[in-house]
């Protein structure tokens, strides 16, 4: 890995290396954020489904009434 960095430094492409590292980190952060957002969406959907089920049971209605 240090040989690769030495090559970039010797050729004066240190800015390109920094840009590549920044873009890689930003892409990784975006993927992490999207994964967490999808998980939060699933958890919220599960919560709403359970809340709906509770409300139907509490009101005395059955699942068949909604078909």
PDB file of N, CA and C in Angstrom:
ATOM      1  N   UNK A   1       0.829  -1.192   0.000  1.00  0.00           N
ATOM      2  CA  UNK A   1       0.000   0.000   0.000  1.00  0.00           C
ATOM      3  C   UNK A   1       0.873   1.256   0.000  1.00  0.00           C
ATOM      4  N   UNK A   2       2.000   1.214   0.739  1.00  0.00           N
ATOM      5  CA  UNK A   2       2.863   2.390   0.781  1.00  0.00           C
ATOM      6  C   UNK A   2       3.534   2.636  -0.565  1.00  0.00           C
ATOM      7  N   UNK A   3       3.769   1.577  -1.346  1.00  0.00           N
ATOM      8  CA  UNK A   3       4.339   1.764  -2.680  1.00  0.00           C
ATOM      9  C   UNK A   3       3.375   2.541  -3.569  1.00  0.00           C
ATOM     10  N   UNK A   4       2.099   2.246  -3.420  1.00  0.00           N
ATOM     11  CA  UNK A   4       1.084   2.952  -4.194  1.00  0.00           C
ATOM     12  C   UNK A   4       1.050   4.431  -3.812  1.00  0.00           C
ATOM     13  N   UNK A   5       1.123   4.712  -2.530  1.00  0.00           N
ATOM     14  CA  UNK A   5       1.126   6.101  -2.061  1.00  0.00           C
ATOM     15  C   UNK A   5       2.401   6.804  -2.519  1.00  0.00           C
ATOM     16  N   UNK A   6       3.535   6.102  -2.432  1.00  0.00           N
ATOM     17  CA  UNK A   6       4.798   6.688  -2.901  1.00  0.00           C
ATOM     18  C   UNK A   6       4.731   7.025  -4.383  1.00  0.00           C
ATOM     19  N   UNK A   7       4.098   6.190  -5.164  1.00  0.00           N
ATOM     20  CA  UNK A   7       3.941   6.458  -6.596  1.00  0.00           C
ATOM     21  C   UNK A   7       3.116   7.708  -6.824  1.00  0.00           C
ATOM     22  N   UNK A   8       2.027   7.848  -6.082  1.00  0.00           N
ATOM     23  CA  UNK A   8       1.192   9.039  -6.219  1.00  0.00           C
ATOM     24  C   UNK A   8       1.952  10.304  -5.806  1.00  0.00           C
ATOM     25  N   UNK A   9       2.694  10.214  -4.711  1.00  0.00           N
ATOM     26  CA  UNK A   9       3.451  11.373  -4.229  1.00  0.00           C
ATOM     27  C   UNK A   9       4.536  11.748  -5.227  1.00  0.00           C
ATOM     28  N   UNK A  10       5.217  10.772  -5.774  1.00  0.00           N
ATOM     29  CA  UNK A  10       6.312  11.036  -6.713  1.00  0.00           C
ATOM     30  C   UNK A  10       5.791  11.689  -7.995  1.00  0.00           C
ATOM     31  N   UNK A  11       4.628  11.324  -8.415  1.00  0.00           N
ATOM     32  CA  UNK A  11       4.076  11.880  -9.651  1.00  0.00           C
ATOM     33  C   UNK A  11       3.297  13.167  -9.415  1.00  0.00           C
ATOM     34  N   UNK A  12       3.115  13.536  -8.180  1.00  0.00           N
ATOM     35  CA  UNK A  12       2.401  14.774  -7.895  1.00  0.00           C
ATOM     36  C   UNK A  12       0.887  14.612  -7.927  1.00  0.00           C
ATOM     37  N   UNK A  13       0.404  13.394  -7.814  1.00  0.00           N
ATOM     38  CA  UNK A  13      -1.027  13.135  -7.858  1.00  0.00           C
ATOM     39  C   UNK A  13      -1.616  12.950  -6.466  1.00  0.00           C
ATOM     40  N   UNK A  14      -1.052  13.632  -5.508  1.00  0.00           N
ATOM     41  CA  UNK A  14      -1.548  13.505  -4.145  1.00  0.00           C
ATOM     42  C   UNK A  14      -2.982  14.020  -4.033  1.00  0.00           C
ATOM     43  N   UNK A  15      -3.326  15.043  -4.805  1.00  0.00           N
ATOM     44  CA  UNK A  15      -4.695  15.568  -4.782  1.00  0.00           C
ATOM     45  C   UNK A  15      -5.679  14.517  -5.303  1.00  0.00           C
ATOM     46  N   UNK A  16      -5.273  13.767  -6.311  1.00  0.00           N
ATOM     47  CA  UNK A  16      -6.147  12.721  -6.828  1.00  0.00           C
ATOM     48  C   UNK A  16      -6.359  11.615  -5.791  1.00  0.00           C
ATOM     49  N   UNK A  17      -5.296  11.293  -5.068  1.00  0.00           N
ATOM     50  CA  UNK A  17      -5.415  10.292  -4.016  1.00  0.00           C
ATOM     51  C   UNK A  17      -6.351  10.777  -2.916  1.00  0.00           C
ATOM     52  N   UNK A  18      -6.199  12.030  -2.515  1.00  0.00           N
ATOM     53  CA  UNK A  18      -7.073  12.590  -1.493  1.00  0.00           C
ATOM     54  C   UNK A  18      -8.525  12.615  -1.969  1.00  0.00           C
ATOM     55  N   UNK A  19      -8.752  12.983  -3.215  1.00  0.00           N
ATOM     56  CA  UNK A  19     -10.107  13.010  -3.769  1.00  0.00           C
ATOM     57  C   UNK A  19     -10.697  11.604  -3.813  1.00  0.00           C
ATOM     58  N   UNK A  20      -9.892  10.621  -4.205  1.00  0.00           N
ATOM     59  CA  UNK A  20     -10.369   9.239  -4.231  1.00  0.00           C
ATOM     60  C   UNK A  20     -10.746   8.760  -2.828  1.00  0.00           C
ATOM     61  N   UNK A  21      -9.909   9.055  -1.841  1.00  0.00           N
ATOM     62  CA  UNK A  21     -10.204   8.645  -0.470  1.00  0.00           C
ATOM     63  C   UNK A  21     -11.451   9.338   0.054  1.00  0.00           C
ATOM     64  N   UNK A  22     -11.615  10.624  -0.259  1.00  0.00           N
ATOM     65  CA  UNK A  22     -12.806  11.350   0.165  1.00  0.00           C
ATOM     66  C   UNK A  22     -14.056  10.771  -0.485  1.00  0.00           C
ATOM     67  N   UNK A  23     -13.996  10.499  -1.790  1.00  0.00           N
ATOM     68  CA  UNK A  23     -15.146   9.944  -2.497  1.00  0.00           C
ATOM     69  C   UNK A  23     -15.496   8.548  -1.975  1.00  0.00           C
ATOM     70  N   UNK A  24     -14.490   7.758  -1.662  1.00  0.00           N
ATOM     71  CA  UNK A  24     -14.740   6.425  -1.109  1.00  0.00           C
ATOM     72  C   UNK A  24     -15.423   6.517   0.252  1.00  0.00           C
ATOM     73  N   UNK A  25     -14.937   7.415   1.088  1.00  0.00           N
ATOM     74  CA  UNK A  25     -15.542   7.586   2.410  1.00  0.00           C
ATOM     75  C   UNK A  25     -16.968   8.116   2.293  1.00  0.00           C
ATOM     76  N   UNK A  26     -17.199   9.052   1.385  1.00  0.00           N
ATOM     77  CA  UNK A  26     -18.541   9.599   1.202  1.00  0.00           C
ATOM     78  C   UNK A  26     -19.495   8.531   0.676  1.00  0.00           C
ATOM     79  N   UNK A  27     -19.036   7.699  -0.237  1.00  0.00           N
ATOM     80  CA  UNK A  27     -19.870   6.625  -0.774  1.00  0.00           C
ATOM     81  C   UNK A  27     -20.186   5.598   0.311  1.00  0.00           C
ATOM     82  N   UNK A  28     -19.200   5.270   1.107  1.00  0.00           N
ATOM     83  CA  UNK A  28     -19.431   4.342   2.219  1.00  0.00           C
ATOM     84  C   UNK A  28     -20.427   4.904   3.220  1.00  0.00           C
ATOM     85  N   UNK A  29     -20.299   6.192   3.522  1.00  0.00           N
ATOM     86  CA  UNK A  29     -21.252   6.830   4.428  1.00  0.00           C
ATOM     87  C   UNK A  29     -22.662   6.837   3.869  1.00  0.00           C
ATOM     88  N   UNK A  30     -22.780   7.062   2.579  1.00  0.00           N
ATOM     89  CA  UNK A  30     -24.100   7.049   1.937  1.00  0.00           C
ATOM     90  C   UNK A  30     -24.717   5.661   2.002  1.00  0.00           C
ATOM     91  N   UNK A  31     -23.931   4.631   1.717  1.00  0.00           N
ATOM     92  CA  UNK A  31     -24.457   3.265   1.789  1.00  0.00           C
ATOM     93  C   UNK A  31     -24.890   2.903   3.206  1.00  0.00           C
ATOM     94  N   UNK A  32     -24.105   3.300   4.186  1.00  0.00           N
ATOM     95  CA  UNK A  32     -24.467   3.052   5.577  1.00  0.00           C
ATOM     96  C   UNK A  32     -25.768   3.765   5.934  1.00  0.00           C
ATOM     97  N   UNK A  33     -25.901   5.019   5.509  1.00  0.00           N
ATOM     98  CA  UNK A  33     -27.100   5.796   5.803  1.00  0.00           C
ATOM     99  C   UNK A  33     -28.331   5.191   5.145  1.00  0.00           C
ATOM    100  N   UNK A  34     -28.203   4.771   3.894  1.00  0.00           N
ATOM    101  CA  UNK A  34     -29.337   4.156   3.207  1.00  0.00           C
ATOM    102  C   UNK A  34     -29.748   2.842   3.859  1.00  0.00           C
ATOM    103  N   UNK A  35     -28.776   2.068   4.301  1.00  0.00           N
ATOM    104  CA  UNK A  35     -29.095   0.815   4.983  1.00  0.00           C
ATOM    105  C   UNK A  35     -29.832   1.072   6.289  1.00  0.00           C
ATOM    106  N   UNK A  36     -29.373   2.065   7.047  1.00  0.00           N
ATOM    107  CA  UNK A  36     -30.049   2.401   8.298  1.00  0.00           C
ATOM    108  C   UNK A  36     -31.443   2.972   8.049  1.00  0.00           C
ATOM    109  N   UNK A  37     -31.597   3.758   6.999  1.00  0.00           N
ATOM    110  CA  UNK A  37     -32.908   4.309   6.657  1.00  0.00           C
ATOM    111  C   UNK A  37     -33.884   3.198   6.282  1.00  0.00           C
ATOM    112  N   UNK A  38     -33.431   2.215   5.536  1.00  0.00           N
ATOM    113  CA  UNK A  38     -34.290   1.089   5.171  1.00  0.00           C
ATOM    114  C   UNK A  38     -34.697   0.295   6.416  1.00  0.00           C
ATOM    115  N   UNK A  39     -33.766   0.093   7.330  1.00  0.00           N
ATOM    116  CA  UNK A  39     -34.080  -0.630   8.565  1.00  0.00           C
ATOM    117  C   UNK A  39     -35.076   0.159   9.410  1.00  0.00           C
ATOM    118  N   UNK A  40     -34.916   1.468   9.484  1.00  0.00           N
ATOM    119  CA  UNK A  40     -35.854   2.299  10.250  1.00  0.00           C
ATOM    120  C   UNK A  40     -37.236   2.263   9.613  1.00  0.00           C
ATOM    121  N   UNK A  41     -37.290   2.245   8.311  1.00  0.00           N
ATOM    122  CA  UNK A  41     -38.572   2.171   7.613  1.00  0.00           C
ATOM    123  C   UNK A  41     -39.275   0.846   7.916  1.00  0.00           C
ATOM    124  N   UNK A  42     -38.511  -0.251   7.930  1.00  0.00           N
ATOM    125  CA  UNK A  42     -39.107  -1.549   8.261  1.00  0.00           C
ATOM    126  C   UNK A  42     -39.617  -1.561   9.700  1.00  0.00           C
ATOM    127  N   UNK A  43     -38.837  -0.999  10.617  1.00  0.00           N
ATOM    128  CA  UNK A  43     -39.281  -0.964  12.013  1.00  0.00           C
ATOM    129  C   UNK A  43     -40.541  -0.127  12.172  1.00  0.00           C
ATOM    130  N   UNK A  44     -40.621   1.006  11.477  1.00  0.00           N
ATOM    131  CA  UNK A  44     -41.804   1.847  11.552  1.00  0.00           C
ATOM    132  C   UNK A  44     -43.009   1.132  10.963  1.00  0.00           C
ATOM    133  N   UNK A  45     -42.818   0.426   9.850  1.00  0.00           N
ATOM    134  CA  UNK A  45     -43.903  -0.333   9.238  1.00  0.00           C
ATOM    135  C   UNK A  45     -44.401  -1.420  10.198  1.00  0.00           C
ATOM    136  N   UNK A  46     -43.495  -2.108  10.865  1.00  0.00           N
ATOM    137  CA  UNK A  46     -43.884  -3.124  11.849  1.00  0.00           C
ATOM    138  C   UNK A  46     -44.669  -2.488  12.997  1.00  0.00           C
ATOM    139  N   UNK A  47     -44.237  -1.329  13.449  1.00  0.00           N
ATOM    140  CA  UNK A  47     -44.931  -0.629  14.528  1.00  0.00           C
ATOM    141  C   UNK A  47     -46.349  -0.263  14.113  1.00  0.00           C
ATOM    142  N   UNK A  48     -46.511   0.276  12.916  1.00  0.00           N
ATOM    143  CA  UNK A  48     -47.843   0.665  12.435  1.00  0.00           C
ATOM    144  C   UNK A  48     -48.731  -0.562  12.284  1.00  0.00           C
ATOM    145  N   UNK A  49     -48.187  -1.664  11.792  1.00  0.00           N
ATOM    146  CA  UNK A  49     -48.961  -2.895  11.642  1.00  0.00           C
ATOM    147  C   UNK A  49     -49.436  -3.401  12.998  1.00  0.00           C
ATOM    148  N   UNK A  50     -48.548  -3.387  13.985  1.00  0.00           N
ATOM    149  CA  UNK A  50     -48.941  -3.837  15.324  1.00  0.00           C
ATOM    150  C   UNK A  50     -49.952  -2.885  15.958  1.00  0.00           C
ATOM    151  N   UNK A  51     -49.801  -1.601  15.731  1.00  0.00           N
ATOM    152  CA  UNK A  51     -50.757  -0.626  16.262  1.00  0.00           C
ATOM    153  C   UNK A  51     -52.133  -0.832  15.646  1.00  0.00           C
ATOM    154  N   UNK A  52     -52.178  -1.099  14.360  1.00  0.00           N
ATOM    155  CA  UNK A  52     -53.442  -1.369  13.679  1.00  0.00           C
ATOM    156  C   UNK A  52     -54.082  -2.640  14.233  1.00  0.00           C
ATOM    157  N   UNK A  53     -53.274  -3.669  14.427  1.00  0.00           N
ATOM    158  CA  UNK A  53     -53.782  -4.920  14.992  1.00  0.00           C
ATOM    159  C   UNK A  53     -54.338  -4.686  16.395  1.00  0.00           C
ATOM    160  N   UNK A  54     -53.646  -3.925  17.211  1.00  0.00           N
ATOM    161  CA  UNK A  54     -54.122  -3.616  18.560  1.00  0.00           C
ATOM    162  C   UNK A  54     -55.445  -2.857  18.511  1.00  0.00           C
ATOM    163  N   UNK A  55     -55.524  -1.858  17.628  1.00  0.00           N
ATOM    164  CA  UNK A  55     -56.766  -1.070  17.544  1.00  0.00           C
ATOM    165  C   UNK A  55     -57.950  -1.924  17.100  1.00  0.00           C
ATOM    166  N   UNK A  56     -57.723  -2.853  16.166  1.00  0.00           N
ATOM    167  CA  UNK A  56     -58.815  -3.736  15.738  1.00  0.00           C
ATOM    168  C   UNK A  56     -59.258  -4.648  16.870  1.00  0.00           C
ATOM    169  N   UNK A  57     -58.309  -5.179  17.621  1.00  0.00           N
ATOM    170  CA  UNK A  57     -58.673  -6.048  18.748  1.00  0.00           C
ATOM    171  C   UNK A  57     -59.359  -5.260  19.856  1.00  0.00           C
ATOM    172  N   UNK A  58     -58.896  -4.060  20.116  1.00  0.00           N
ATOM    173  CA  UNK A  58     -59.470  -3.245  21.184  1.00  0.00           C
ATOM    174  C   UNK A  58     -60.886  -2.780  20.842  1.00  0.00           C
ATOM    175  N   UNK A  59     -61.181  -2.602  19.567  1.00  0.00           N
ATOM    176  CA  UNK A  59     -62.513  -2.140  19.177  1.00  0.00           C
ATOM    177  C   UNK A  59     -63.486  -3.307  19.010  1.00  0.00           C
ATOM    178  N   UNK A  60     -63.024  -4.550  19.129  1.00  0.00           N
ATOM    179  CA  UNK A  60     -63.885  -5.711  19.034  1.00  0.00           C
ATOM    180  C   UNK A  60     -64.131  -6.179  17.612  1.00  0.00           C
ATOM    181  N   UNK A  61     -63.494  -5.572  16.645  1.00  0.00           N
ATOM    182  CA  UNK A  61     -63.661  -5.999  15.263  1.00  0.00           C
ATOM    183  C   UNK A  61     -62.662  -7.113  14.962  1.00  0.00           C
ATOM    184  N   UNK A  62     -63.008  -7.924  13.978  1.00  0.00           N
ATOM    185  CA  UNK A  62     -62.141  -9.037  13.610  1.00  0.00           C
ATOM    186  C   UNK A  62     -61.459  -8.743  12.294  1.00  0.00           C
ATOM    187  N   UNK A  63     -60.435  -9.519  11.997  1.00  0.00           N
ATOM    188  CA  UNK A  63     -59.694  -9.340  10.761  1.00  0.00           C
ATOM    189  C   UNK A  63     -60.569  -9.560   9.542  1.00  0.00           C
ATOM    190  N   UNK A  64     -61.563 -10.454   9.646  1.00  0.00           N
ATOM    191  CA  UNK A  64     -62.414 -10.765   8.509  1.00  0.00           C
ATOM    192  C   UNK A  64     -63.279  -9.566   8.116  1.00  0.00           C
ATOM    193  N   UNK A  65     -63.508  -8.636   9.028  1.00  0.00           N
ATOM    194  CA  UNK A  65     -64.338  -7.459   8.731  1.00  0.00           C
ATOM    195  C   UNK A  65     -63.672  -6.532   7.728  1.00  0.00           C
ATOM    196  N   UNK A  66     -62.381  -6.666   7.486  1.00  0.00           N
ATOM    197  CA  UNK A  66     -61.656  -5.763   6.611  1.00  0.00           C
ATOM    198  C   UNK A  66     -61.355  -6.371   5.253  1.00  0.00           C
ATOM    199  N   UNK A  67     -61.906  -7.522   4.940  1.00  0.00           N
ATOM    200  CA  UNK A  67     -61.665  -8.143   3.632  1.00  0.00           C
ATOM    201  C   UNK A  67     -62.574  -7.593   2.557  1.00  0.00           C
TER     202      UNK A  67
END
